[in-house]
Amino acid sequence: MDYDWSAADLAFRDEVRAFLDAKLTPELRRAGRSATSVYPDHEASMEWQHILHERGWAAPHWPVEHGGCDWSLTQHYIFHRELTLAGAPPLSPMGIRMVAPAIIAFGTPEQKAFYLPRILTGEVFFCQGYSEPEAGSDLASLTMAAVDDGDDFVCTGSKIWTTHATEANWIFCLVRTAKTGKKQQGITFLLIDMTAPGIEIRPLVMTSGEQVQNQVFFDNVRVPKANVLGRVDEGWTVAKYLLVHERGGAAAPWLQVMAQDIAEAAAAQPGPDGNALIDDPLFANRLADARIRTEVLEVLEYRTISAMAQGRDPGPASSLLKILATELSQQLTELALDAAGPLGRAYQPHATAPGGPVADYTPPADGYHSGADWQAVAPLRYFNDRAGSIYAGSNEIQRNILAKAALGL
């Protein structure tokens, strides 16, 4: 396998860089670099989505007939890598990267015609309704009921850990339409208008103080059967398809940028002996270990791209990459907190670009904060990344998948 970019790939990289230099404003770069979790500031993310949409690059992985780009897998990787290196704020994944591919694969012509162009423009903004208070990693145990009533389903129950529910005007939900057979059966995939009567949203305050996650309650919410994606009682098939898209992506560039930023910060931060923290053997060894792992992750991402480019099924690679990326991110946020030093212990969310409102916090009137922006980001990023090994299927579940698929256990 050749890991060098071709001349055409390098030309494409330069095209992307020129676009980013022209369109990615300092404010948008700050929103990307100062994000405290995988979910950026909503307004900045939507502004950047509009810019990408004007260029035709908001959803390059979609089929061309629906607004995607006729790119090779290598070009897709280069594109996302350059976005990361430039500090662009990520787009919300729930619409463009998650439910849209499911709509393309399972949707009716009417559903595709309505949702896909509106997802691109941001007119339709989705959140995800999967987890419930008693159904998280064991998602098939969900109980939110959808009762057949003529042309509608009447939905009652709740969903939890719903990111950006307060910003979304649509939610895709897994609901229970039958209780016979295996628990994976009798589940239906529904697209629900968040303005429908009977929906209540209660924000959840995370350990970082941010209100990005929510619990959503449904009290006899009527949903037209035309909003079923796929077939009634066969939503588990749609959900599995969607989860592959949720776990995929190019994480290595983002982690490499984080590691480099930590190394530069540690060169200026005093260590336990008064010398630069980067010269402390324990810290240096931990950082070197993390940087080596980011390089390994990049090679594994390349291998996955190569397999897919040749038409081969990458197998359980999405589970492997998800484990490595989330655990590496947690390792790096620990190092960033160390590198931030005493100033990293101050709670200064006004110096960051959080993904949602910060509860019970009043910033200084003059906007003052101690230290650099990244030192204010470090503790919030640390708290938020604790969830990385749980969301999109816990890493324990991913290891079980690998044990079965790769080791035959």
Protein backbone atom coordinates (compact mmCIF):
# COMPACT_ATOMS: atom_id res chain seq x y z
CA MET A 1 0.00 0.00 0.00
CA ASP A 2 1.32 3.44 -1.04
CA TYR A 3 0.81 6.10 1.62
CA ASP A 4 1.96 9.02 -0.56
CA TRP A 5 -0.59 11.36 -2.13
CA SER A 6 -0.72 11.41 -5.92
CA ALA A 7 -0.17 14.61 -7.92
CA ALA A 8 -3.93 14.88 -8.42
CA ASP A 9 -4.50 14.46 -4.68
CA LEU A 10 -1.98 17.19 -3.89
CA ALA A 11 -3.66 19.51 -6.41
CA PHE A 12 -7.00 18.84 -4.74
CA ARG A 13 -5.45 19.53 -1.32
CA ASP A 14 -4.19 22.89 -2.59
CA GLU A 15 -7.67 23.72 -3.95
CA VAL A 16 -9.19 23.03 -0.54
CA ARG A 17 -6.53 25.08 1.22
CA ALA A 18 -7.14 28.04 -1.08
CA PHE A 19 -10.87 27.86 -0.35
CA LEU A 20 -10.25 27.72 3.39
CA ASP A 21 -7.87 30.68 3.24
CA ALA A 22 -10.53 32.69 1.44
CA LYS A 23 -13.66 31.68 3.33
CA LEU A 24 -12.70 30.57 6.84
CA THR A 25 -12.82 33.76 8.88
CA PRO A 26 -10.85 34.28 12.10
CA GLU A 27 -14.14 34.12 14.03
CA LEU A 28 -15.01 30.75 12.52
CA ARG A 29 -11.49 29.44 13.18
CA ARG A 30 -11.79 30.49 16.80
CA ALA A 31 -15.14 28.70 17.07
CA GLY A 32 -13.49 25.54 15.78
CA ARG A 33 -10.37 25.76 17.91
CA SER A 34 -12.21 26.82 21.07
CA ALA A 35 -14.96 24.19 20.88
CA THR A 36 -15.32 22.37 24.19
CA SER A 37 -16.70 19.13 22.74
CA VAL A 38 -17.39 17.43 19.42
CA TYR A 39 -20.39 19.76 19.14
CA PRO A 40 -19.39 23.33 18.25
CA ASP A 41 -21.15 26.61 18.77
CA HIS A 42 -24.43 26.19 16.89
CA GLU A 43 -24.49 29.57 15.15
CA ALA A 44 -20.88 29.28 13.98
CA SER A 45 -21.49 25.75 12.73
CA MET A 46 -24.54 26.82 10.73
CA GLU A 47 -22.71 29.83 9.28
CA TRP A 48 -19.92 27.54 8.11
CA GLN A 49 -22.45 25.07 6.70
CA HIS A 50 -23.99 27.84 4.59
CA ILE A 51 -20.55 28.76 3.22
CA LEU A 52 -19.79 25.13 2.37
CA HIS A 53 -23.22 24.70 0.80
CA GLU A 54 -22.60 27.66 -1.51
CA ARG A 55 -19.42 25.89 -2.70
CA GLY A 56 -21.24 22.53 -3.01
CA TRP A 57 -19.14 21.00 -0.25
CA ALA A 58 -21.56 20.77 2.68
CA ALA A 59 -22.20 17.04 2.15
CA PRO A 60 -19.53 15.74 -0.25
CA HIS A 61 -20.13 12.12 0.81
CA TRP A 62 -23.73 12.17 -0.45
CA PRO A 63 -24.51 10.83 -3.93
CA VAL A 64 -24.01 13.49 -6.60
CA GLU A 65 -27.69 13.49 -7.55
CA HIS A 66 -28.55 14.63 -4.02
CA GLY A 67 -25.90 17.34 -3.73
CA GLY A 68 -22.73 15.36 -3.03
CA CYS A 69 -19.36 15.42 -4.79
CA ASP A 70 -17.89 12.96 -7.24
CA TRP A 71 -14.75 12.56 -5.15
CA SER A 72 -12.53 9.60 -4.47
CA LEU A 73 -12.32 8.28 -0.92
CA THR A 74 -8.83 9.78 -0.73
CA GLN A 75 -10.21 13.20 -1.63
CA HIS A 76 -12.86 12.87 1.08
CA TYR A 77 -10.13 12.12 3.62
CA ILE A 78 -7.97 15.02 2.43
CA PHE A 79 -10.95 17.39 2.60
CA HIS A 80 -11.79 16.52 6.21
CA ARG A 81 -8.12 16.55 7.15
CA GLU A 82 -7.64 20.07 5.78
CA LEU A 83 -10.78 21.30 7.55
CA THR A 84 -9.35 20.03 10.81
CA LEU A 85 -5.88 21.46 10.25
CA ALA A 86 -7.40 24.85 9.43
CA GLY A 87 -9.54 24.88 12.58
CA ALA A 88 -12.93 24.90 10.84
CA PRO A 89 -15.91 24.35 13.15
CA PRO A 90 -17.43 20.91 12.53
CA LEU A 91 -20.96 20.62 11.22
CA SER A 92 -23.63 18.99 13.32
CA PRO A 93 -23.51 15.31 12.35
CA MET A 94 -27.11 14.38 13.10
CA GLY A 95 -28.52 15.62 9.82
CA ILE A 96 -25.82 15.61 7.17
CA ARG A 97 -23.74 12.66 8.34
CA MET A 98 -26.27 10.43 10.10
CA VAL A 99 -29.95 10.59 9.18
CA ALA A 100 -29.40 11.85 5.62
CA PRO A 101 -27.52 8.71 4.48
CA ALA A 102 -30.33 6.66 6.04
CA ILE A 103 -32.92 8.71 4.15
CA ILE A 104 -30.96 8.18 0.94
CA ALA A 105 -30.80 4.43 1.57
CA PHE A 106 -34.30 3.78 2.95
CA GLY A 107 -36.42 6.83 2.18
CA THR A 108 -39.28 7.19 -0.26
CA PRO A 109 -38.87 9.58 -3.22
CA GLU A 110 -41.11 12.06 -1.37
CA GLN A 111 -38.98 11.86 1.79
CA LYS A 112 -35.77 12.40 -0.17
CA ALA A 113 -37.25 15.35 -2.05
CA PHE A 114 -38.44 17.03 1.14
CA TYR A 115 -35.66 16.41 3.66
CA LEU A 116 -32.38 16.26 1.76
CA PRO A 117 -32.28 19.75 0.22
CA ARG A 118 -33.54 21.27 3.46
CA ILE A 119 -30.87 19.47 5.49
CA LEU A 120 -28.24 20.97 3.19
CA THR A 121 -29.53 24.51 3.67
CA GLY A 122 -30.09 24.05 7.42
CA GLU A 123 -33.82 24.69 7.10
CA VAL A 124 -34.30 21.22 8.58
CA PHE A 125 -32.04 20.61 11.58
CA PHE A 126 -32.22 17.15 13.14
CA CYS A 127 -31.46 15.82 16.58
CA GLN A 128 -31.26 12.13 17.50
CA GLY A 129 -33.82 10.27 19.61
CA TYR A 130 -32.23 6.92 20.43
CA SER A 131 -31.28 6.55 24.10
CA GLU A 132 -33.86 6.34 26.87
CA PRO A 133 -33.46 6.41 30.65
CA GLU A 134 -33.55 2.59 30.70
CA ALA A 135 -32.12 1.95 27.21
CA GLY A 136 -28.65 3.27 26.47
CA SER A 137 -25.98 0.85 25.34
CA ASP A 138 -28.70 -1.81 25.30
CA LEU A 139 -30.66 0.27 22.83
CA ALA A 140 -32.93 -2.57 21.73
CA SER A 141 -34.59 -2.40 25.18
CA LEU A 142 -36.24 0.91 24.28
CA THR A 143 -39.88 1.32 25.33
CA MET A 144 -41.10 4.61 23.82
CA ALA A 145 -44.46 3.51 22.42
CA ALA A 146 -45.92 4.33 19.01
CA VAL A 147 -49.55 3.18 18.87
CA ASP A 148 -51.21 2.66 15.48
CA ASP A 149 -54.13 5.06 15.04
CA GLY A 150 -55.32 5.22 11.44
CA ASP A 151 -52.94 7.35 9.36
CA ASP A 152 -50.83 8.24 12.42
CA PHE A 153 -48.76 6.76 15.18
CA VAL A 154 -49.39 8.20 18.63
CA CYS A 155 -46.07 8.40 20.46
CA THR A 156 -45.60 8.43 24.23
CA GLY A 157 -42.33 8.14 26.16
CA SER A 158 -39.03 9.97 26.46
CA LYS A 159 -35.57 10.19 24.96
CA ILE A 160 -32.45 11.29 26.80
CA TRP A 161 -28.98 12.67 26.01
CA THR A 162 -30.54 14.38 23.00
CA THR A 163 -27.91 16.79 21.71
CA HIS A 164 -29.12 20.17 20.45
CA ALA A 165 -32.79 19.31 20.94
CA THR A 166 -33.44 22.98 21.72
CA GLU A 167 -31.98 23.99 18.34
CA ALA A 168 -33.55 21.20 16.29
CA ASN A 169 -36.88 21.38 14.47
CA TRP A 170 -36.92 17.65 13.63
CA ILE A 171 -35.90 14.52 15.53
CA PHE A 172 -35.33 10.99 14.24
CA CYS A 173 -36.54 8.44 16.76
CA LEU A 174 -36.57 4.73 17.36
CA VAL A 175 -39.97 3.77 18.78
CA ARG A 176 -41.65 0.54 19.89
CA THR A 177 -44.48 -0.45 17.54
CA ALA A 178 -44.70 -4.14 18.54
CA LYS A 179 -43.66 -6.30 21.51
CA THR A 180 -43.47 -9.71 19.83
CA GLY A 181 -40.34 -11.68 18.99
CA LYS A 182 -36.81 -10.54 19.75
CA LYS A 183 -36.40 -7.12 21.28
CA GLN A 184 -34.71 -5.88 18.09
CA GLN A 185 -37.99 -6.59 16.30
CA GLY A 186 -41.01 -4.33 16.55
CA ILE A 187 -38.90 -1.16 16.44
CA THR A 188 -39.76 1.54 13.90
CA PHE A 189 -37.70 4.50 12.71
CA LEU A 190 -39.75 7.72 12.78
CA LEU A 191 -39.06 11.28 11.65
CA ILE A 192 -40.90 13.61 14.05
CA ASP A 193 -41.59 17.33 13.73
CA MET A 194 -40.37 18.93 16.97
CA THR A 195 -43.12 21.56 16.78
CA ALA A 196 -45.83 18.87 17.09
CA PRO A 197 -48.11 19.28 20.14
CA GLY A 198 -47.14 17.17 23.15
CA ILE A 199 -43.35 17.54 22.97
CA GLU A 200 -41.48 18.97 25.96
CA ILE A 201 -37.71 19.56 26.17
CA ARG A 202 -35.82 19.70 29.48
CA PRO A 203 -32.13 20.69 29.25
CA LEU A 204 -29.57 18.62 31.15
CA VAL A 205 -26.61 20.35 32.77
CA MET A 206 -23.37 18.48 32.09
CA THR A 207 -20.35 18.37 34.39
CA SER A 208 -18.88 21.15 32.25
CA GLY A 209 -21.90 23.35 33.06
CA GLU A 210 -23.09 23.32 29.45
CA GLN A 211 -26.65 22.61 28.40
CA VAL A 212 -26.03 20.73 25.16
CA GLN A 213 -27.82 17.50 26.09
CA ASN A 214 -31.53 17.29 26.82
CA GLN A 215 -34.35 14.96 27.77
CA VAL A 216 -37.31 15.05 25.39
CA PHE A 217 -40.77 13.97 26.51
CA PHE A 218 -43.53 12.83 24.14
CA ASP A 219 -47.11 12.90 25.41
CA ASN A 220 -49.52 11.46 22.83
CA VAL A 221 -47.64 13.05 19.95
CA ARG A 222 -49.28 12.30 16.61
CA VAL A 223 -46.85 11.41 13.81
CA PRO A 224 -48.04 10.67 10.27
CA LYS A 225 -47.20 7.17 9.04
CA ALA A 226 -45.69 8.89 6.00
CA ASN A 227 -42.81 9.80 8.37
CA VAL A 228 -41.75 6.17 8.83
CA LEU A 229 -38.26 5.65 7.39
CA GLY A 230 -37.98 2.13 6.01
CA ARG A 231 -40.64 -0.35 7.08
CA VAL A 232 -42.79 -0.48 10.18
CA ASP A 233 -41.27 -2.85 12.80
CA GLU A 234 -37.96 -2.98 10.87
CA GLY A 235 -36.34 0.17 12.19
CA TRP A 236 -33.46 -1.76 13.73
CA THR A 237 -32.08 -2.30 10.23
CA VAL A 238 -32.13 1.45 9.60
CA ALA A 239 -30.56 2.13 13.01
CA LYS A 240 -27.64 -0.23 12.40
CA TYR A 241 -26.99 1.39 9.03
CA LEU A 242 -27.00 4.84 10.63
CA LEU A 243 -24.62 3.82 13.44
CA VAL A 244 -21.92 2.90 10.92
CA HIS A 245 -22.00 6.51 9.69
CA GLU A 246 -21.98 7.84 13.27
CA ARG A 247 -18.84 5.88 14.15
CA GLY A 248 -16.93 6.61 10.98
CA GLY A 249 -14.83 9.64 10.04
CA ALA A 250 -11.31 10.96 10.01
CA ALA A 251 -10.33 11.44 13.65
CA ALA A 252 -6.54 11.21 13.34
CA PRO A 253 -5.93 14.74 11.95
CA TRP A 254 -7.95 16.32 14.74
CA LEU A 255 -6.04 14.34 17.38
CA GLN A 256 -2.71 15.16 15.74
CA VAL A 257 -3.52 18.87 15.89
CA MET A 258 -4.46 18.49 19.55
CA ALA A 259 -1.20 16.66 20.32
CA GLN A 260 0.90 19.31 18.57
CA ASP A 261 -0.87 22.11 20.44
CA ILE A 262 -0.20 20.31 23.72
CA ALA A 263 3.49 19.89 22.88
CA GLU A 264 3.83 23.61 22.12
CA ALA A 265 1.97 24.57 25.29
CA ALA A 266 4.06 22.22 27.43
CA ALA A 267 7.24 23.84 26.12
CA ALA A 268 6.13 27.10 27.75
CA GLN A 269 4.58 25.66 30.92
CA PRO A 270 6.80 25.01 34.00
CA GLY A 271 6.99 21.41 35.15
CA PRO A 272 7.40 19.99 38.68
CA ASP A 273 11.12 20.77 38.74
CA GLY A 274 10.73 24.32 37.44
CA ASN A 275 11.94 23.44 33.94
CA ALA A 276 9.61 23.25 30.93
CA LEU A 277 6.86 20.66 31.36
CA ILE A 278 7.81 19.08 28.02
CA ASP A 279 11.16 18.15 29.59
CA ASP A 280 9.53 16.26 32.44
CA PRO A 281 10.18 12.56 31.61
CA LEU A 282 6.79 11.32 32.80
CA PHE A 283 4.83 13.94 30.86
CA ALA A 284 7.05 13.57 27.80
CA ASN A 285 6.58 9.81 27.76
CA ARG A 286 2.80 10.10 28.07
CA LEU A 287 2.67 12.62 25.24
CA ALA A 288 4.98 10.54 23.05
CA ASP A 289 2.79 7.49 23.61
CA ALA A 290 -0.30 9.46 22.59
CA ARG A 291 1.39 10.87 19.49
CA ILE A 292 2.52 7.43 18.39
CA ARG A 293 -1.03 6.18 18.79
CA THR A 294 -2.38 9.03 16.66
CA GLU A 295 0.02 8.00 13.90
CA VAL A 296 -1.16 4.39 14.19
CA LEU A 297 -4.76 5.57 14.04
CA GLU A 298 -4.03 7.53 10.86
CA VAL A 299 -2.51 4.44 9.22
CA LEU A 300 -5.58 2.42 10.19
CA GLU A 301 -7.81 5.12 8.69
CA TYR A 302 -5.72 4.97 5.50
CA ARG A 303 -6.10 1.20 5.40
CA THR A 304 -9.85 1.51 5.79
CA ILE A 305 -10.01 4.06 2.96
CA SER A 306 -7.86 1.80 0.77
CA ALA A 307 -10.13 -1.18 1.38
CA MET A 308 -13.25 0.79 0.59
CA ALA A 309 -11.67 2.32 -2.53
CA GLN A 310 -11.09 -1.22 -3.80
CA GLY A 311 -14.69 -2.17 -3.13
CA ARG A 312 -13.86 -4.32 -0.11
CA ASP A 313 -15.88 -4.37 3.09
CA PRO A 314 -13.72 -2.87 5.87
CA GLY A 315 -15.50 -5.18 8.32
CA PRO A 316 -15.44 -4.16 11.99
CA ALA A 317 -13.03 -1.30 11.29
CA SER A 318 -15.58 1.32 12.39
CA SER A 319 -15.68 -0.26 15.85
CA LEU A 320 -11.88 -0.38 16.07
CA LEU A 321 -11.49 3.24 14.95
CA LYS A 322 -14.20 4.42 17.33
CA ILE A 323 -12.45 2.79 20.32
CA LEU A 324 -9.02 4.15 19.43
CA ALA A 325 -10.21 7.67 18.59
CA THR A 326 -12.33 8.22 21.72
CA GLU A 327 -9.80 6.75 24.14
CA LEU A 328 -6.98 8.73 22.52
CA SER A 329 -9.05 11.89 22.82
CA GLN A 330 -9.52 11.22 26.52
CA GLN A 331 -5.80 10.62 26.94
CA LEU A 332 -4.96 13.88 25.16
CA THR A 333 -7.46 15.95 27.15
CA GLU A 334 -5.76 14.74 30.33
CA LEU A 335 -2.42 15.91 28.95
CA ALA A 336 -3.93 19.24 27.89
CA LEU A 337 -5.21 19.79 31.42
CA ASP A 338 -1.71 19.13 32.76
CA ALA A 339 -0.20 21.51 30.21
CA ALA A 340 -2.73 24.22 31.11
CA GLY A 341 -1.29 24.33 34.62
CA PRO A 342 -2.99 26.33 37.40
CA LEU A 343 -4.81 28.55 34.89
CA GLY A 344 -6.49 25.44 33.55
CA ARG A 345 -8.30 25.03 36.86
CA ALA A 346 -10.23 28.29 36.46
CA TYR A 347 -13.81 27.99 35.25
CA GLN A 348 -13.96 30.44 32.35
CA PRO A 349 -16.47 29.22 29.75
CA HIS A 350 -16.86 32.74 28.34
CA ALA A 351 -13.35 32.33 26.87
CA THR A 352 -14.47 29.25 24.91
CA ALA A 353 -16.99 28.40 22.18
CA PRO A 354 -19.28 25.91 23.93
CA GLY A 355 -21.87 23.87 22.11
CA GLY A 356 -24.76 25.30 24.13
CA PRO A 357 -25.71 27.69 26.93
CA VAL A 358 -23.76 27.55 30.20
CA ALA A 359 -26.02 27.21 33.24
CA ASP A 360 -25.82 29.54 36.24
CA TYR A 361 -22.81 31.45 34.96
CA THR A 362 -22.37 35.19 34.54
CA PRO A 363 -19.20 36.20 32.67
CA PRO A 364 -17.21 39.26 33.76
CA ALA A 365 -18.63 42.48 32.35
CA ASP A 366 -15.32 43.34 30.70
CA GLY A 367 -14.85 39.84 29.26
CA TYR A 368 -11.56 39.33 31.11
CA HIS A 369 -10.14 35.82 31.46
CA SER A 370 -6.81 34.64 32.76
CA GLY A 371 -4.43 32.77 30.50
CA ALA A 372 -4.92 31.86 26.86
CA ASP A 373 -8.20 30.67 25.33
CA TRP A 374 -6.95 27.09 25.12
CA GLN A 375 -6.34 27.04 28.87
CA ALA A 376 -10.01 27.86 29.43
CA VAL A 377 -11.01 25.16 26.91
CA ALA A 378 -8.87 22.43 28.52
CA PRO A 379 -10.99 21.64 31.62
CA LEU A 380 -14.30 21.80 29.74
CA ARG A 381 -12.95 19.57 26.99
CA TYR A 382 -11.70 17.15 29.62
CA PHE A 383 -15.14 16.84 31.23
CA ASN A 384 -16.97 16.51 27.91
CA ASP A 385 -14.63 13.85 26.52
CA ARG A 386 -15.41 11.50 29.40
CA ALA A 387 -18.56 10.65 27.41
CA GLY A 388 -16.62 9.76 24.27
CA SER A 389 -16.21 6.11 25.20
CA ILE A 390 -19.97 5.82 25.84
CA TYR A 391 -21.73 7.60 22.99
CA ALA A 392 -22.27 6.00 19.53
CA GLY A 393 -22.22 2.61 21.24
CA SER A 394 -20.03 2.17 24.31
CA ASN A 395 -16.49 0.97 23.79
CA GLU A 396 -17.33 -2.20 25.71
CA ILE A 397 -19.99 -2.93 23.08
CA GLN A 398 -17.46 -2.17 20.31
CA ARG A 399 -15.00 -4.63 21.85
CA ASN A 400 -17.70 -7.27 21.89
CA ILE A 401 -18.29 -6.62 18.18
CA LEU A 402 -14.57 -7.01 17.50
CA ALA A 403 -14.41 -10.18 19.56
CA LYS A 404 -17.15 -11.75 17.47
CA ALA A 405 -16.30 -10.36 14.05
CA ALA A 406 -12.49 -10.39 14.15
CA LEU A 407 -11.63 -13.11 16.67
CA GLY A 408 -14.61 -15.41 16.22
CA LEU A 409 -15.32 -15.57 19.95
